[in-house]
Amino acid sequence: MSRMDPMPPLRMETVVAARTAAVKADVKVKAETVSVFYGDKQALFDVSLDMPEKSVTALIGPSGCGKSTFLRSINRMNDTIPSCRVTGRIEIDGMDVNDKSVDPVVLRAQVGMVFQKPNPFPKSIFENVAYGVRLHGLATSRGQLNEIVEASLRKAGLWDEVKDRLNASGASLSGGQQQRLVIARAIAVNPEIILMDEPCSALDPIATAKVEELIDELRSNYCIVIVTHSMAQAARVSQQTAFFHLGKLVEAGPTEAIFTNPKDSRTQDYITGRFG
């Protein structure tokens, strides 16, 4: 091709393939044929999904499709349900989280979780953030503890709002502030992964916008996996989207491709509101 020849148009498939390759280059969490059973009922069917580091993966799909069940498998929260059984393999940096040598308490420090409704402890704002730090022995002095609490509240975008009332109850904060306090509590123990299960469903639009802004800031340091019913939220905050239906992973890929050019008609129908 001469220097005067026009460049051939860049095909959409080429762009998507390049972005997909980039997404898979730095996999933080890898799920392989993960199935989950509650007693005799199977809730999740052979889910395989790579979740990249320093990125947000959104899990979307109608209620009861297995999104939260899959999310809770990553940090073994399903262990708390006696009838639950998980098969397949989930790796974090190559480590099988279900290996008998893995301590679930240590795992849940590495993999923080934020739930649907803000759940601050019945303690002061300071003690909410300091709790996990003390539990895992991450501070060797009161001064270091203070530094960790302040840094975590700053990362959660909450420090300027609470720095003059750290001894006040965490429950005295607004719903949006409580959710950011919970996020500060999660990141205080220096996790590598943050799981979020509908973190904005109980919040008003202003608080939701602040949490979404926080998620966008945090992704530069963490692998974030978020369950959301909001298509707009998934489009705003995530780089990868995975669509679940009836306990199965239908398809996953770069968010832009999933929303503009899904491969499966079920994904298209869900995104356009034909069901769900």
Protein backbone atom coordinates (compact mmCIF):
# COMPACT_ATOMS: atom_id res chain seq x y z
CA MET A 1 0.00 0.00 0.00
CA SER A 2 1.47 3.36 -0.99
CA ARG A 3 1.51 6.36 1.33
CA MET A 4 -1.19 7.97 -0.81
CA ASP A 5 -3.58 5.02 -0.58
CA PRO A 6 -6.49 5.58 1.81
CA MET A 7 -6.50 3.47 4.95
CA PRO A 8 -9.07 0.67 4.82
CA PRO A 9 -12.00 1.16 7.17
CA LEU A 10 -11.53 -0.38 10.62
CA ARG A 11 -14.14 -3.09 11.03
CA MET A 12 -16.20 -3.21 14.21
CA GLU A 13 -15.22 -6.87 14.69
CA THR A 14 -11.55 -5.87 14.70
CA VAL A 15 -12.12 -3.19 17.33
CA VAL A 16 -14.12 -5.52 19.56
CA ALA A 17 -11.54 -8.31 19.18
CA ALA A 18 -8.74 -5.94 20.12
CA ARG A 19 -10.62 -4.67 23.16
CA THR A 20 -11.53 -8.20 24.20
CA ALA A 21 -7.89 -9.25 23.95
CA ALA A 22 -6.92 -6.27 26.10
CA VAL A 23 -9.56 -7.19 28.66
CA LYS A 24 -8.27 -10.77 28.91
CA ALA A 25 -4.63 -9.73 29.14
CA ASP A 26 -4.67 -9.07 32.90
CA VAL A 27 -7.20 -11.46 34.40
CA LYS A 28 -7.61 -11.06 38.16
CA VAL A 29 -10.50 -13.46 38.77
CA LYS A 30 -11.11 -16.51 36.59
CA ALA A 31 -14.22 -18.67 36.87
CA GLU A 32 -14.29 -22.01 35.09
CA THR A 33 -17.50 -24.08 34.78
CA VAL A 34 -18.86 -22.85 38.11
CA SER A 35 -22.16 -24.39 39.18
CA VAL A 36 -24.03 -23.68 42.41
CA PHE A 37 -26.64 -25.89 44.07
CA TYR A 38 -29.00 -25.13 46.95
CA GLY A 39 -29.92 -28.60 48.09
CA ASP A 40 -31.35 -30.37 45.04
CA LYS A 41 -31.97 -27.12 43.15
CA GLN A 42 -29.31 -25.91 40.72
CA ALA A 43 -29.07 -22.12 40.66
CA LEU A 44 -26.00 -21.64 38.44
CA PHE A 45 -24.95 -23.70 35.43
CA ASP A 46 -21.31 -24.03 34.27
CA VAL A 47 -20.38 -20.34 34.32
CA SER A 48 -16.96 -19.45 32.92
CA LEU A 49 -15.92 -15.80 33.05
CA ASP A 50 -12.66 -13.83 33.24
CA MET A 51 -12.71 -10.63 35.29
CA PRO A 52 -9.81 -8.26 34.61
CA GLU A 53 -7.89 -6.30 37.19
CA LYS A 54 -8.21 -2.51 37.41
CA SER A 55 -11.55 -2.71 35.66
CA VAL A 56 -15.28 -2.94 36.40
CA THR A 57 -17.23 -6.02 35.33
CA ALA A 58 -21.01 -5.58 35.47
CA LEU A 59 -23.28 -8.60 35.92
CA ILE A 60 -26.73 -7.94 34.45
CA GLY A 61 -29.89 -9.97 33.98
CA PRO A 62 -33.42 -10.37 35.37
CA SER A 63 -34.12 -11.14 39.04
CA GLY A 64 -33.29 -14.68 40.07
CA CYS A 65 -30.95 -15.33 37.15
CA GLY A 66 -27.89 -16.17 39.27
CA LYS A 67 -25.97 -12.87 39.30
CA SER A 68 -25.73 -12.53 43.10
CA THR A 69 -25.20 -16.26 43.53
CA PHE A 70 -22.18 -16.03 41.23
CA LEU A 71 -20.89 -12.91 42.97
CA ARG A 72 -21.11 -14.58 46.40
CA SER A 73 -19.12 -17.54 45.07
CA ILE A 74 -16.05 -15.37 44.51
CA ASN A 75 -15.46 -14.72 48.23
CA ARG A 76 -17.20 -17.89 49.45
CA MET A 77 -20.13 -16.09 51.04
CA ASN A 78 -22.19 -19.05 49.88
CA ASP A 79 -20.34 -21.08 52.53
CA THR A 80 -22.66 -19.48 55.09
CA ILE A 81 -25.64 -21.34 53.56
CA PRO A 82 -25.61 -24.97 54.83
CA SER A 83 -27.43 -26.41 51.81
CA CYS A 84 -25.20 -24.67 49.26
CA ARG A 85 -22.66 -26.57 47.17
CA VAL A 86 -20.28 -25.05 44.60
CA THR A 87 -18.52 -26.98 41.85
CA GLY A 88 -16.05 -25.82 39.23
CA ARG A 89 -13.09 -23.55 39.90
CA ILE A 90 -12.69 -19.89 40.82
CA GLU A 91 -9.15 -18.52 40.78
CA ILE A 92 -7.73 -15.25 42.07
CA ASP A 93 -4.27 -14.74 40.62
CA GLY A 94 -4.18 -18.49 39.96
CA MET A 95 -5.20 -19.46 43.52
CA ASP A 96 -8.26 -21.70 43.83
CA VAL A 97 -10.48 -19.91 46.37
CA ASN A 98 -12.17 -23.19 47.30
CA ASP A 99 -8.94 -24.97 48.14
CA LYS A 100 -8.99 -26.40 51.68
CA SER A 101 -5.87 -24.40 52.53
CA VAL A 102 -7.67 -21.08 51.92
CA ASP A 103 -9.00 -19.40 55.06
CA PRO A 104 -12.36 -17.78 54.18
CA VAL A 105 -11.73 -14.96 56.70
CA VAL A 106 -8.46 -14.06 54.99
CA LEU A 107 -10.11 -14.44 51.58
CA ARG A 108 -12.87 -11.98 52.50
CA ALA A 109 -10.26 -9.42 53.51
CA GLN A 110 -8.73 -9.80 50.05
CA VAL A 111 -12.17 -9.70 48.43
CA GLY A 112 -14.27 -6.93 49.99
CA MET A 113 -18.04 -6.88 49.57
CA VAL A 114 -20.63 -4.11 49.50
CA PHE A 115 -24.26 -5.19 49.82
CA GLN A 116 -27.54 -3.89 48.47
CA LYS A 117 -28.46 -1.93 51.58
CA PRO A 118 -25.86 0.05 53.53
CA ASN A 119 -24.93 -1.97 56.62
CA PRO A 120 -22.71 0.11 58.90
CA PHE A 121 -21.83 -1.51 62.21
CA PRO A 122 -23.48 -0.06 65.35
CA LYS A 123 -20.27 1.80 66.05
CA SER A 124 -18.80 5.22 65.41
CA ILE A 125 -17.75 6.31 61.93
CA PHE A 126 -14.12 5.87 62.96
CA GLU A 127 -14.66 2.40 64.45
CA ASN A 128 -16.58 1.24 61.37
CA VAL A 129 -13.50 1.80 59.24
CA ALA A 130 -11.02 0.68 61.90
CA TYR A 131 -12.79 -2.60 62.67
CA GLY A 132 -11.27 -4.75 59.92
CA VAL A 133 -7.87 -3.09 60.30
CA ARG A 134 -7.78 -4.14 63.95
CA LEU A 135 -9.19 -7.60 63.20
CA HIS A 136 -6.42 -8.37 60.72
CA GLY A 137 -3.66 -6.62 62.67
CA LEU A 138 -2.87 -4.16 59.90
CA ALA A 139 -1.93 -1.24 62.16
CA THR A 140 0.92 -1.34 64.65
CA SER A 141 0.11 1.94 66.38
CA ARG A 142 -2.75 4.33 66.99
CA GLY A 143 -1.12 6.81 64.64
CA GLN A 144 -0.99 4.25 61.83
CA LEU A 145 -4.61 3.30 62.49
CA ASN A 146 -5.62 6.97 62.23
CA GLU A 147 -3.77 7.26 58.93
CA ILE A 148 -5.48 4.18 57.48
CA VAL A 149 -8.93 5.38 58.55
CA GLU A 150 -8.37 8.84 57.06
CA ALA A 151 -6.93 7.45 53.82
CA SER A 152 -9.85 5.03 53.44
CA LEU A 153 -12.43 7.75 54.04
CA ARG A 154 -10.65 9.96 51.52
CA LYS A 155 -10.66 7.18 48.92
CA ALA A 156 -14.38 6.75 49.55
CA GLY A 157 -14.95 10.47 49.03
CA LEU A 158 -16.29 10.88 52.56
CA TRP A 159 -13.50 12.44 54.61
CA ASP A 160 -14.47 16.08 54.13
CA GLU A 161 -18.05 15.29 55.14
CA VAL A 162 -17.25 13.42 58.36
CA LYS A 163 -13.79 14.50 59.54
CA ASP A 164 -15.29 16.67 62.31
CA ARG A 165 -17.62 13.94 63.64
CA LEU A 166 -15.66 10.72 63.51
CA ASN A 167 -17.06 9.70 66.91
CA ALA A 168 -20.66 10.00 65.72
CA SER A 169 -22.58 6.82 64.94
CA GLY A 170 -22.27 5.47 61.43
CA ALA A 171 -26.06 5.16 61.45
CA SER A 172 -26.34 8.94 61.76
CA LEU A 173 -25.18 9.37 58.16
CA SER A 174 -27.48 9.59 55.14
CA GLY A 175 -28.05 6.47 53.06
CA GLY A 176 -25.54 7.51 50.42
CA GLN A 177 -22.95 8.41 53.05
CA GLN A 178 -23.52 5.09 54.80
CA GLN A 179 -22.85 3.22 51.57
CA ARG A 180 -19.62 5.16 51.04
CA LEU A 181 -18.71 4.41 54.69
CA VAL A 182 -19.20 0.71 53.96
CA ILE A 183 -16.95 1.06 50.91
CA ALA A 184 -14.34 2.81 53.08
CA ARG A 185 -14.60 -0.08 55.55
CA ALA A 186 -14.04 -2.55 52.72
CA ILE A 187 -10.98 -0.82 51.27
CA ALA A 188 -9.39 -0.16 54.69
CA VAL A 189 -8.09 -3.75 54.84
CA ASN A 190 -6.34 -3.25 51.49
CA PRO A 191 -8.33 -5.69 49.33
CA GLU A 192 -7.49 -6.50 45.74
CA ILE A 193 -11.08 -7.08 44.64
CA ILE A 194 -14.35 -5.34 45.53
CA LEU A 195 -17.69 -7.07 44.98
CA MET A 196 -20.81 -4.89 44.87
CA ASP A 197 -24.31 -6.36 44.97
CA GLU A 198 -26.78 -3.70 43.79
CA PRO A 199 -24.91 -1.00 45.77
CA CYS A 200 -27.17 1.85 44.62
CA SER A 201 -30.61 0.23 44.63
CA ALA A 202 -31.56 1.82 47.97
CA LEU A 203 -30.10 5.25 47.14
CA ASP A 204 -31.55 8.41 45.64
CA PRO A 205 -30.21 9.70 42.27
CA ILE A 206 -27.75 12.17 43.84
CA ALA A 207 -26.26 9.55 46.17
CA THR A 208 -26.18 7.06 43.29
CA ALA A 209 -24.19 9.50 41.16
CA LYS A 210 -21.63 9.92 43.97
CA VAL A 211 -21.22 6.16 44.39
CA GLU A 212 -20.86 5.70 40.62
CA GLU A 213 -18.22 8.41 40.54
CA LEU A 214 -16.44 6.63 43.39
CA ILE A 215 -16.56 3.30 41.53
CA ASP A 216 -14.98 4.97 38.50
CA GLU A 217 -12.17 6.32 40.68
CA LEU A 218 -11.59 3.04 42.52
CA ARG A 219 -11.24 0.95 39.38
CA SER A 220 -7.74 2.33 38.80
CA ASN A 221 -6.62 0.30 41.83
CA TYR A 222 -9.07 -2.58 42.16
CA CYS A 223 -10.82 -5.31 40.26
CA ILE A 224 -14.51 -4.47 40.77
CA VAL A 225 -17.43 -6.78 40.04
CA ILE A 226 -20.88 -5.20 40.33
CA VAL A 227 -24.37 -6.68 40.13
CA THR A 228 -26.89 -4.16 38.82
CA HIS A 229 -30.41 -4.12 37.46
CA SER A 230 -29.78 -0.72 35.89
CA MET A 231 -28.73 -0.91 32.26
CA ALA A 232 -27.73 2.75 32.38
CA GLN A 233 -25.54 2.15 35.42
CA ALA A 234 -23.83 -0.84 33.80
CA ALA A 235 -23.15 1.26 30.70
CA ARG A 236 -21.78 4.14 32.79
CA VAL A 237 -19.47 2.35 35.22
CA SER A 238 -18.28 -0.88 33.59
CA GLN A 239 -15.74 -1.83 30.98
CA GLN A 240 -17.00 -5.43 30.70
CA THR A 241 -20.58 -6.70 30.95
CA ALA A 242 -21.83 -10.25 31.49
CA PHE A 243 -25.48 -11.13 30.86
CA PHE A 244 -27.05 -13.91 32.94
CA HIS A 245 -30.38 -15.64 32.25
CA LEU A 246 -31.97 -18.59 34.08
CA GLY A 247 -28.73 -19.39 35.90
CA LYS A 248 -26.59 -19.39 32.78
CA LEU A 249 -24.06 -16.92 31.43
CA VAL A 250 -25.47 -16.04 28.01
CA GLU A 251 -22.61 -13.82 26.85
CA ALA A 252 -19.91 -11.48 28.09
CA GLY A 253 -17.66 -8.92 26.47
CA PRO A 254 -16.70 -5.25 26.34
CA THR A 255 -19.63 -3.18 27.62
CA GLU A 256 -19.88 -1.11 24.45
CA ALA A 257 -20.12 -4.24 22.30
CA ILE A 258 -22.70 -5.92 24.56
CA PHE A 259 -24.94 -2.85 24.48
CA THR A 260 -24.56 -1.97 20.82
CA ASN A 261 -23.99 -5.30 19.11
CA PRO A 262 -24.92 -8.28 21.32
CA LYS A 263 -24.43 -11.70 19.79
CA ASP A 264 -27.40 -13.40 21.44
CA SER A 265 -31.03 -12.38 20.85
CA ARG A 266 -31.79 -12.87 24.56
CA THR A 267 -29.24 -10.20 25.43
CA GLN A 268 -30.76 -7.85 22.86
CA ASP A 269 -34.26 -8.51 24.20
CA TYR A 270 -33.21 -7.84 27.80
CA ILE A 271 -31.27 -4.67 27.03
CA THR A 272 -34.16 -3.26 24.97
CA GLY A 273 -36.67 -4.05 27.70
CA ARG A 274 -38.59 -6.83 26.01
CA PHE A 275 -38.30 -8.89 29.21
CA GLY A 276 -36.78 -8.69 32.66
